[in-house]
Protein backbone atom coordinates (compact mmCIF):
# COMPACT_ATOMS: atom_id res chain seq x y z
CA UNK A 1 -1.37 11.27 -5.30
CA UNK A 2 1.36 10.25 -2.85
CA UNK A 3 0.57 6.58 -3.47
CA UNK A 4 0.85 6.91 -7.26
CA UNK A 5 4.61 6.22 -7.48
CA UNK A 6 4.15 3.09 -5.38
CA UNK A 7 1.35 1.91 -7.68
CA UNK A 8 3.54 2.47 -10.71
CA UNK A 9 6.35 0.48 -9.12
CA UNK A 10 3.97 -2.37 -8.37
CA UNK A 11 2.69 -2.27 -11.94
CA UNK A 12 6.24 -2.44 -13.29
CA UNK A 13 7.02 -5.39 -11.01
CA UNK A 14 3.93 -7.23 -12.24
CA UNK A 15 4.85 -6.54 -15.89
CA UNK A 16 8.43 -7.68 -15.30
CA UNK A 17 7.24 -10.92 -13.71
CA UNK A 18 4.72 -11.49 -16.50
CA UNK A 19 7.11 -10.87 -19.38
CA UNK A 20 10.17 -12.57 -17.91
CA UNK A 21 11.38 -15.87 -19.42
CA UNK A 22 12.38 -17.90 -16.37
CA UNK A 23 12.47 -21.29 -18.09
CA UNK A 24 15.46 -20.67 -20.36
CA UNK A 25 17.18 -23.95 -21.01
CA UNK A 26 20.87 -24.52 -20.63
CA UNK A 27 22.54 -22.38 -23.31
CA UNK A 28 24.78 -25.14 -24.59
CA UNK A 29 21.83 -27.52 -24.77
CA UNK A 30 19.89 -24.99 -26.83
CA UNK A 31 22.82 -24.42 -29.20
CA UNK A 32 23.34 -28.18 -29.61
CA UNK A 33 19.63 -28.64 -30.37
CA UNK A 34 19.64 -25.85 -32.97
CA UNK A 35 22.85 -27.19 -34.53
CA UNK A 36 21.36 -30.68 -34.94
CA UNK A 37 18.16 -29.21 -36.41
CA UNK A 38 19.99 -27.49 -39.25
CA UNK A 39 21.00 -30.65 -41.13
CA UNK A 40 19.17 -31.72 -44.28
CA UNK A 41 19.92 -35.29 -45.17
CA UNK A 42 18.20 -38.65 -45.12
CA UNK A 43 14.66 -38.66 -43.74
CA UNK A 44 14.55 -34.88 -43.26
CA UNK A 45 15.38 -34.27 -46.92
CA UNK A 46 12.58 -36.62 -48.00
CA UNK A 47 10.16 -34.96 -45.60
CA UNK A 48 11.03 -31.60 -47.16
CA UNK A 49 10.49 -32.91 -50.71
CA UNK A 50 7.13 -34.41 -49.77
CA UNK A 51 6.12 -31.17 -48.02
CA UNK A 52 7.01 -29.26 -51.19
CA UNK A 53 4.83 -31.59 -53.28
CA UNK A 54 1.94 -31.21 -50.83
CA UNK A 55 2.28 -27.42 -50.89
CA UNK A 56 2.48 -27.42 -54.70
CA UNK A 57 -0.70 -29.48 -54.87
CA UNK A 58 -2.38 -27.04 -52.51
CA UNK A 59 -1.31 -24.07 -54.62
CA UNK A 60 -2.42 -25.88 -57.77
CA UNK A 61 -5.93 -26.61 -56.48
CA UNK A 62 -6.09 -23.31 -54.55
CA UNK A 63 -6.58 -25.06 -51.21
CA UNK A 64 -5.48 -23.10 -48.13
CA UNK A 65 -5.94 -26.12 -45.85
CA UNK A 66 -3.55 -28.26 -47.91
CA UNK A 67 -0.95 -25.47 -47.95
CA UNK A 68 -1.16 -25.13 -44.16
CA UNK A 69 -0.66 -28.89 -43.81
CA UNK A 70 2.47 -28.70 -45.95
CA UNK A 71 3.89 -25.89 -43.81
CA UNK A 72 3.25 -27.93 -40.65
CA UNK A 73 5.37 -30.84 -41.85
CA UNK A 74 8.08 -28.74 -43.48
CA UNK A 75 11.47 -28.76 -41.64
CA UNK A 76 12.62 -25.57 -43.37
CA UNK A 77 12.78 -23.46 -40.19
CA UNK A 78 15.78 -25.32 -38.74
CA UNK A 79 18.69 -23.84 -40.74
CA UNK A 80 17.16 -20.36 -40.73
CA UNK A 81 17.02 -20.25 -36.93
CA UNK A 82 20.49 -21.80 -36.94
CA UNK A 83 21.79 -18.80 -38.88
CA UNK A 84 20.40 -16.37 -36.31
CA UNK A 85 21.80 -18.33 -33.35
CA UNK A 86 25.21 -18.71 -35.04
CA UNK A 87 25.54 -14.96 -35.58
CA UNK A 88 24.27 -14.29 -32.05
CA UNK A 89 26.97 -16.44 -30.43
CA UNK A 90 29.63 -15.66 -33.10
CA UNK A 91 29.95 -19.28 -34.19
CA UNK A 92 31.44 -19.16 -37.70
CA UNK A 93 31.39 -22.93 -38.16
CA UNK A 94 27.70 -23.16 -37.28
CA UNK A 95 26.90 -20.17 -39.50
CA UNK A 96 28.40 -21.64 -42.66
CA UNK A 97 26.95 -25.04 -41.84
CA UNK A 98 23.45 -23.56 -41.49
CA UNK A 99 23.94 -21.54 -44.66
CA UNK A 100 25.01 -24.63 -46.60
CA UNK A 101 22.04 -26.65 -45.42
CA UNK A 102 19.64 -23.79 -46.14
CA UNK A 103 21.00 -23.63 -49.68
CA UNK A 104 20.52 -27.39 -50.03
CA UNK A 105 16.94 -27.16 -48.75
CA UNK A 106 16.16 -24.26 -51.09
CA UNK A 107 17.56 -26.10 -54.10
CA UNK A 108 15.61 -29.28 -53.26
CA UNK A 109 12.42 -27.27 -52.87
CA UNK A 110 12.86 -25.45 -56.18
CA UNK A 111 13.69 -28.63 -58.12
CA UNK A 112 10.79 -30.61 -56.61
CA UNK A 113 8.21 -27.85 -57.19
CA UNK A 114 9.48 -27.13 -60.71
CA UNK A 115 9.25 -30.78 -61.70
CA UNK A 116 5.74 -31.03 -60.26
CA UNK A 117 4.42 -27.98 -62.13
CA UNK A 118 6.10 -29.13 -65.36
CA UNK A 119 4.09 -32.38 -65.35
CA UNK A 120 0.91 -30.97 -63.79
CA UNK A 121 -1.97 -30.49 -66.27
CA UNK A 122 -3.14 -27.46 -64.25
CA UNK A 123 -0.94 -24.54 -65.28
CA UNK A 124 -3.20 -21.66 -64.28
CA UNK A 125 -2.01 -19.23 -61.58
CA UNK A 126 -4.71 -19.32 -58.90
CA UNK A 127 -5.13 -16.73 -56.16
CA UNK A 128 -2.92 -18.66 -53.70
CA UNK A 129 -0.08 -18.51 -56.23
CA UNK A 130 -0.64 -14.86 -57.11
CA UNK A 131 -0.64 -13.87 -53.44
CA UNK A 132 3.02 -14.96 -53.17
CA UNK A 133 4.35 -12.74 -55.98
CA UNK A 134 3.97 -9.23 -54.53
CA UNK A 135 5.67 -9.02 -51.11
CA UNK A 136 5.17 -5.86 -49.07
CA UNK A 137 6.33 -4.39 -45.78
CA UNK A 138 3.48 -6.25 -44.05
CA UNK A 139 5.12 -9.56 -44.98
CA UNK A 140 8.33 -8.27 -43.43
CA UNK A 141 6.54 -7.40 -40.17
CA UNK A 142 5.02 -10.90 -40.08
CA UNK A 143 8.46 -12.45 -40.51
CA UNK A 144 9.98 -10.30 -37.74
CA UNK A 145 7.28 -11.05 -35.16
CA UNK A 146 7.00 -14.70 -36.15
CA UNK A 147 10.76 -15.17 -36.07
CA UNK A 148 10.94 -13.67 -32.58
CA UNK A 149 8.23 -16.06 -31.37
CA UNK A 150 10.10 -19.03 -32.86
CA UNK A 151 13.38 -17.96 -31.26
CA UNK A 152 11.80 -17.61 -27.82
CA UNK A 153 10.25 -21.05 -28.20
CA UNK A 154 13.67 -22.48 -28.98
CA UNK A 155 15.12 -21.44 -25.65
CA UNK A 156 12.24 -22.74 -23.52
CA UNK A 157 12.58 -25.87 -21.45
CA UNK A 158 9.28 -27.34 -22.69
CA UNK A 159 9.04 -27.24 -26.47
CA UNK A 160 5.58 -26.25 -27.70
CA UNK A 161 3.80 -25.87 -31.02
CA UNK A 162 5.13 -22.35 -31.52
CA UNK A 163 7.67 -23.29 -34.19
CA UNK A 164 5.09 -24.96 -36.50
CA UNK A 165 2.88 -21.94 -35.95
CA UNK A 166 5.73 -19.66 -36.98
CA UNK A 167 6.23 -21.75 -40.12
CA UNK A 168 2.56 -21.20 -41.00
CA UNK A 169 2.53 -17.49 -40.20
CA UNK A 170 5.72 -16.65 -42.07
CA UNK A 171 4.79 -18.93 -45.00
CA UNK A 172 8.26 -20.12 -46.01
CA UNK A 173 7.09 -23.02 -48.17
CA UNK A 174 4.50 -21.39 -50.53
CA UNK A 175 6.87 -18.75 -51.98
CA UNK A 176 9.43 -21.43 -52.85
CA UNK A 177 6.76 -23.51 -54.58
CA UNK A 178 5.51 -20.42 -56.40
CA UNK A 179 9.07 -19.79 -57.57
CA UNK A 180 9.12 -23.37 -58.89
CA UNK A 181 5.86 -22.67 -60.74
CA UNK A 182 7.47 -19.56 -62.26
CA UNK A 183 10.47 -21.58 -63.43
CA UNK A 184 8.18 -24.16 -65.06
CA UNK A 185 6.34 -21.34 -66.88
CA UNK A 186 9.55 -19.37 -67.63
CA UNK A 187 7.98 -16.36 -65.89
CA UNK A 188 10.82 -14.19 -64.54
CA UNK A 189 8.50 -11.65 -62.88
CA UNK A 190 6.73 -14.35 -60.89
CA UNK A 191 10.04 -15.93 -59.90
CA UNK A 192 11.59 -12.70 -58.65
CA UNK A 193 8.51 -11.77 -56.62
CA UNK A 194 8.08 -15.20 -55.03
CA UNK A 195 11.76 -15.77 -54.30
CA UNK A 196 12.09 -12.27 -52.86
CA UNK A 197 9.25 -13.08 -50.44
CA UNK A 198 11.08 -16.24 -49.36
CA UNK A 199 14.31 -14.25 -48.99
CA UNK A 200 12.59 -11.59 -46.84
CA UNK A 201 11.07 -14.22 -44.56
CA UNK A 202 14.36 -16.09 -44.16
CA UNK A 203 16.48 -13.02 -43.45
CA UNK A 204 14.07 -11.47 -40.96
CA UNK A 205 13.43 -14.73 -39.11
CA UNK A 206 17.19 -15.12 -38.72
CA UNK A 207 17.55 -11.49 -37.60
CA UNK A 208 14.75 -11.90 -35.03
CA UNK A 209 16.46 -15.01 -33.72
CA UNK A 210 19.75 -13.11 -33.43
CA UNK A 211 18.02 -10.31 -31.50
CA UNK A 212 16.43 -12.76 -29.03
CA UNK A 213 19.75 -14.56 -28.50
CA UNK A 214 21.49 -11.27 -27.69
CA UNK A 215 18.65 -10.02 -25.47
CA UNK A 216 18.87 -13.24 -23.47
CA UNK A 217 22.63 -12.66 -23.19
CA UNK A 218 23.81 -15.94 -24.65
CA UNK A 219 27.56 -16.36 -24.24
CA UNK A 220 29.78 -16.10 -27.30
CA UNK A 221 31.74 -19.17 -28.27
CA UNK A 222 35.23 -19.52 -26.87
CA UNK A 223 37.93 -17.49 -28.60
CA UNK A 224 35.26 -15.35 -30.26
CA UNK A 225 36.47 -12.08 -31.74
CA UNK A 226 34.69 -9.16 -30.04
CA UNK A 227 35.40 -6.90 -32.98
CA UNK A 228 33.93 -9.52 -35.30
CA UNK A 229 30.76 -9.60 -33.20
CA UNK A 230 30.39 -5.83 -33.55
CA UNK A 231 30.98 -6.06 -37.29
CA UNK A 232 28.29 -8.73 -37.44
CA UNK A 233 25.76 -6.33 -35.90
CA UNK A 234 26.56 -3.61 -38.43
CA UNK A 235 26.42 -6.13 -41.25
CA UNK A 236 23.02 -7.37 -40.08
CA UNK A 237 21.59 -3.86 -40.06
CA UNK A 238 22.90 -3.28 -43.58
CA UNK A 239 21.37 -6.55 -44.83
CA UNK A 240 18.02 -5.74 -43.21
CA UNK A 241 17.87 -2.26 -44.75
CA UNK A 242 18.82 -3.54 -48.22
CA UNK A 243 16.30 -6.37 -47.92
CA UNK A 244 13.43 -4.10 -46.88
CA UNK A 245 13.87 -1.40 -49.52
CA UNK A 246 11.94 -3.25 -52.30
CA UNK A 247 9.17 -4.29 -49.89
CA UNK A 248 8.72 -0.68 -48.74
CA UNK A 249 8.44 0.37 -52.39
CA UNK A 250 5.89 -2.32 -53.26
CA UNK A 251 3.93 -1.60 -50.08
CA UNK A 252 3.78 2.10 -50.94
CA UNK A 253 2.58 1.29 -54.45
CA UNK A 254 -0.07 -1.03 -53.00
CA UNK A 255 -1.38 1.84 -50.83
CA UNK A 256 -1.39 4.15 -53.86
CA UNK A 257 -3.26 1.55 -55.91
CA UNK A 258 -5.89 1.19 -53.19
CA UNK A 259 -6.22 4.98 -52.95
CA UNK A 260 -6.66 5.06 -56.75
CA UNK A 261 -9.51 2.53 -56.58
CA UNK A 262 -11.18 4.46 -53.73
CA UNK A 263 -10.89 7.72 -55.64
CA UNK A 264 -12.59 6.13 -58.67
CA UNK A 265 -15.53 4.99 -56.51
CA UNK A 266 -15.89 8.44 -54.97
CA UNK A 267 -15.64 10.10 -58.37
CA UNK A 268 -18.33 7.97 -60.03
CA UNK A 269 -20.60 8.39 -56.99
CA UNK A 270 -20.29 12.19 -57.11
CA UNK A 271 -20.80 12.25 -60.87
CA UNK A 272 -23.93 10.07 -60.63
CA UNK A 273 -25.31 12.40 -57.95
CA UNK A 274 -24.67 15.47 -60.11
CA UNK A 275 -26.09 13.88 -63.29
CA UNK A 276 -28.68 11.26 -62.20
CA UNK A 277 -29.91 10.70 -65.78
CA UNK A 278 -26.49 9.39 -66.83
CA UNK A 279 -24.78 6.24 -65.63
CA UNK A 280 -21.01 6.39 -65.23
CA UNK A 281 -19.35 3.04 -65.92
CA UNK A 282 -15.59 2.56 -65.54
CA UNK A 283 -14.92 0.14 -68.39
CA UNK A 284 -11.17 0.12 -67.80
CA UNK A 285 -8.80 1.43 -65.15
CA UNK A 286 -5.04 1.01 -65.08
CA UNK A 287 -2.91 2.33 -62.24
CA UNK A 288 0.67 3.31 -63.01
CA UNK A 289 3.27 5.01 -60.85
CA UNK A 290 3.52 7.97 -63.24
CA UNK A 291 0.26 8.40 -65.20
CA UNK A 292 -2.78 6.17 -64.75
CA UNK A 293 -5.52 5.52 -67.30
CA UNK A 294 -9.30 5.45 -66.90
CA UNK A 295 -11.86 4.77 -69.64
CA UNK A 296 -15.26 6.11 -68.52
CA UNK A 297 -18.36 5.07 -70.46
CA UNK A 298 -21.47 7.24 -70.11
CA UNK A 299 -24.80 5.46 -70.52
CA UNK A 300 -28.04 7.44 -70.61
CA UNK A 301 -28.46 11.12 -71.26
CA UNK A 302 -25.64 12.56 -73.33
CA UNK A 303 -23.62 15.27 -71.61
CA UNK A 304 -22.60 18.56 -73.20
CA UNK A 305 -19.01 19.71 -73.48
CA UNK A 306 -19.50 21.98 -70.47
CA UNK A 307 -20.92 19.11 -68.42
CA UNK A 308 -18.04 16.87 -69.49
CA UNK A 309 -15.63 19.54 -68.31
CA UNK A 310 -17.41 19.53 -64.94
CA UNK A 311 -17.07 15.74 -64.80
CA UNK A 312 -13.33 16.03 -65.35
CA UNK A 313 -13.22 18.59 -62.57
CA UNK A 314 -14.96 16.10 -60.28
CA UNK A 315 -12.23 13.58 -61.10
CA UNK A 316 -9.55 16.05 -60.05
CA UNK A 317 -11.50 16.89 -56.89
CA UNK A 318 -11.77 13.17 -56.02
CA UNK A 319 -7.98 12.86 -56.09
CA UNK A 320 -7.54 11.45 -59.59
CA UNK A 321 -4.56 13.60 -60.48
CA UNK A 322 -1.95 12.50 -63.02
CA UNK A 323 -4.68 10.44 -64.66
CA UNK A 324 -5.61 10.24 -68.33
CA UNK A 325 -9.42 10.19 -68.39
CA UNK A 326 -11.00 9.02 -71.66
CA UNK A 327 -14.77 9.58 -71.76
CA UNK A 328 -16.88 7.54 -74.17
CA UNK A 329 -20.55 8.46 -74.58
CA UNK A 330 -22.82 5.61 -75.60
CA UNK A 331 -24.61 6.65 -78.75
CA UNK A 332 -27.21 3.93 -78.42
CA UNK A 333 -28.66 5.31 -75.17
CA UNK A 334 -28.10 9.00 -75.82
CA UNK A 335 -30.98 11.47 -76.06
CA UNK A 336 -33.70 8.95 -75.29
CA UNK A 337 -35.67 11.32 -73.07
CA UNK A 338 -34.74 9.61 -69.83
CA UNK A 339 -36.06 12.39 -67.59
CA UNK A 340 -39.44 14.01 -67.40
CA UNK A 341 -38.02 17.35 -68.64
CA UNK A 342 -36.53 15.82 -71.80
CA UNK A 343 -38.65 16.01 -74.94
CA UNK A 344 -39.95 12.62 -76.10
CA UNK A 345 -38.06 11.04 -78.96
CA UNK A 346 -39.75 11.48 -82.36
CA UNK A 347 -40.47 8.71 -84.85
CA UNK A 348 -37.83 10.01 -87.27
CA UNK A 349 -35.19 10.10 -84.50
CA UNK A 350 -36.10 6.57 -83.45
CA UNK A 351 -35.90 5.40 -87.06
CA UNK A 352 -32.44 6.94 -87.48
CA UNK A 353 -31.28 5.40 -84.22
CA UNK A 354 -32.48 1.96 -85.22
CA UNK A 355 -30.90 2.34 -88.66
CA UNK A 356 -27.53 3.10 -87.10
CA UNK A 357 -27.91 0.17 -84.68
CA UNK A 358 -28.79 -2.26 -87.46
CA UNK A 359 -25.82 -1.01 -89.50
CA UNK A 360 -23.49 -1.64 -86.56
CA UNK A 361 -24.88 -5.15 -86.09
CA UNK A 362 -24.54 -5.94 -89.80
CA UNK A 363 -20.96 -4.69 -89.80
CA UNK A 364 -20.15 -6.87 -86.80
CA UNK A 365 -21.89 -9.85 -88.41
CA UNK A 366 -19.92 -9.45 -91.64
CA UNK A 367 -16.64 -9.32 -89.74
CA UNK A 368 -17.53 -12.49 -87.82
CA UNK A 369 -18.62 -14.23 -91.03
CA UNK A 370 -15.33 -13.33 -92.68
CA UNK A 371 -13.39 -14.65 -89.71
CA UNK A 372 -15.38 -17.89 -89.70
CA UNK A 373 -14.82 -18.26 -93.44
CA UNK A 374 -11.09 -17.68 -93.10
CA UNK A 375 -10.70 -19.86 -90.02
CA UNK A 376 -13.47 -22.35 -90.60
CA UNK A 377 -11.36 -25.22 -89.35
CA UNK A 378 -10.61 -23.52 -86.05
CA UNK A 379 -13.48 -22.92 -83.61
CA UNK A 380 -13.79 -20.33 -80.90
CA UNK A 381 -12.86 -22.84 -78.23
CA UNK A 382 -9.60 -23.62 -80.00
CA UNK A 383 -8.80 -19.91 -80.29
CA UNK A 384 -9.39 -19.48 -76.56
CA UNK A 385 -6.92 -22.27 -75.83
CA UNK A 386 -4.36 -20.65 -78.12
CA UNK A 387 -4.75 -17.26 -76.43
CA UNK A 388 -4.37 -18.78 -72.96
CA UNK A 389 -1.27 -20.65 -74.12
CA UNK A 390 0.17 -17.45 -75.60
CA UNK A 391 -0.43 -15.51 -72.36
CA UNK A 392 -1.01 -17.66 -69.23
CA UNK A 393 -2.29 -14.58 -67.36
CA UNK A 394 -5.48 -14.63 -69.49
CA UNK A 395 -8.25 -16.60 -67.75
CA UNK A 396 -11.13 -16.06 -70.21
CA UNK A 397 -11.33 -14.71 -73.74
CA UNK A 398 -14.19 -13.52 -75.92
CA UNK A 399 -14.31 -12.06 -79.42
CA UNK A 400 -17.00 -9.60 -80.50
CA UNK A 401 -16.39 -8.15 -83.94
CA UNK A 402 -13.10 -6.31 -83.99
CA UNK A 403 -12.87 -6.19 -80.21
CA UNK A 404 -11.28 -8.98 -78.20
CA UNK A 405 -12.12 -9.05 -74.50
CA UNK A 406 -9.29 -10.67 -72.52
CA UNK A 407 -9.90 -11.23 -68.82
CA UNK A 408 -6.66 -11.18 -66.86
CA UNK A 409 -6.02 -12.77 -63.48
CA UNK A 410 -3.85 -9.83 -62.51
CA UNK A 411 -3.32 -6.37 -63.89
CA UNK A 412 -1.51 -6.71 -67.25
CA UNK A 413 1.23 -4.40 -68.41
CA UNK A 414 0.72 -2.27 -71.50
CA UNK A 415 3.37 -4.26 -73.38
CA UNK A 416 1.58 -7.49 -72.43
CA UNK A 417 -1.69 -6.25 -73.97
CA UNK A 418 0.14 -4.90 -77.05
CA UNK A 419 1.85 -8.26 -77.66
CA UNK A 420 -1.46 -10.12 -77.45
CA UNK A 421 -3.11 -7.61 -79.78
CA UNK A 422 -0.31 -7.91 -82.36
CA UNK A 423 -0.46 -11.71 -82.21
CA UNK A 424 -4.28 -11.75 -82.63
CA UNK A 425 -4.13 -9.36 -85.59
CA UNK A 426 -1.76 -11.72 -87.37
CA UNK A 427 -3.65 -14.81 -86.21
CA UNK A 428 -7.05 -13.52 -87.38
CA UNK A 429 -5.81 -11.39 -90.32
CA UNK A 430 -7.59 -8.37 -88.89
CA UNK A 431 -5.42 -5.25 -88.63
CA UNK A 432 -8.22 -3.29 -86.94
CA UNK A 433 -8.67 -5.74 -84.06
CA UNK A 434 -8.40 -4.17 -80.61
CA UNK A 435 -7.78 -5.99 -77.32
CA UNK A 436 -9.89 -4.74 -74.41
CA UNK A 437 -8.30 -5.94 -71.12
CA UNK A 438 -10.65 -6.86 -68.28
CA UNK A 439 -9.35 -7.21 -64.72
CA UNK A 440 -10.87 -9.77 -62.37
């Protein structure tokens, strides 16, 4: 026990030696290097434009490898780190210079990506594009840690591959290209989400750089205002808090959405255990911050009102509160004697069931025939193209009678589905048509 304090001291010495940064370059040399790396003109501007085109191609074909290659050759990190260093040493001239060059680089990236997506024949939002439209607090944490790693690499005597790695981890280029895609599609929601992700990454990389510069006790520039330096720290904290508020909100909603999906799985599993002769199929589920919607289709043995009440109780028990649960019992598979205790179906019951089924099929066939007669010149394939042009979020489309099944790449809003339904009713002259959204 007496030797424990000595062991702790030795451990602290080892940790201090391990975590120390002994190879800090000359401060002025580091600042001069960062200052020269902030400029965007000539060859560096062309390299940025080409990197944007490569990244846009990667997003277009959904290729992660191509996107990583674009981030490796992108020089976008320079002015962002320059901002952090400028604030850290209270260099106003360097700050505004870095800010100006960052604005130039951002504008070049947006213009280049927008022009590419305007002429590209592939205008579908693939998963790599969609992943850059919903930033969360996790993206902020990546930017903070990655920015700190890049700042430490900047002050080392031997430059390594850390900075390109930071560019890949923080993903500065893809959000800008996604914003260009949004501009080409006139999609404000996409643009705001993608550009906000780029803004988060830029701000937090600069803040991490500022923190490293101050921790390493870089000297302020000559004639620096001490009061101004203190105001800069308070301003930085304010900017960070304001920047993180939306990401905290979206991250919280993401957790709630995942909890909603888990609760649905638990609910259907418990219901299937309680009523094994009935299958519980979630035909539609929509999470909303206030009240969510679930459409539950029962296939198999029909449940009584009391049993349906028990099913709703199971939903509450599974955590599906503030949820509108619509239960639809499939008439076609109801009362078919699916268990050994059920009485076998009689010939008259089977005849009635088949009569109703044939009537449904004839009704559907007549509706389709009327639609084909009215729109004989326009085939199903043409209608699919029109629907996808009307709403780019729709990936596949199918029409069955008076029900249109639209498969969305991401969860559609209620107004989005209503607009498509209204347009289809006018397009097909069918006021009873209903759009059934399907989520990939």
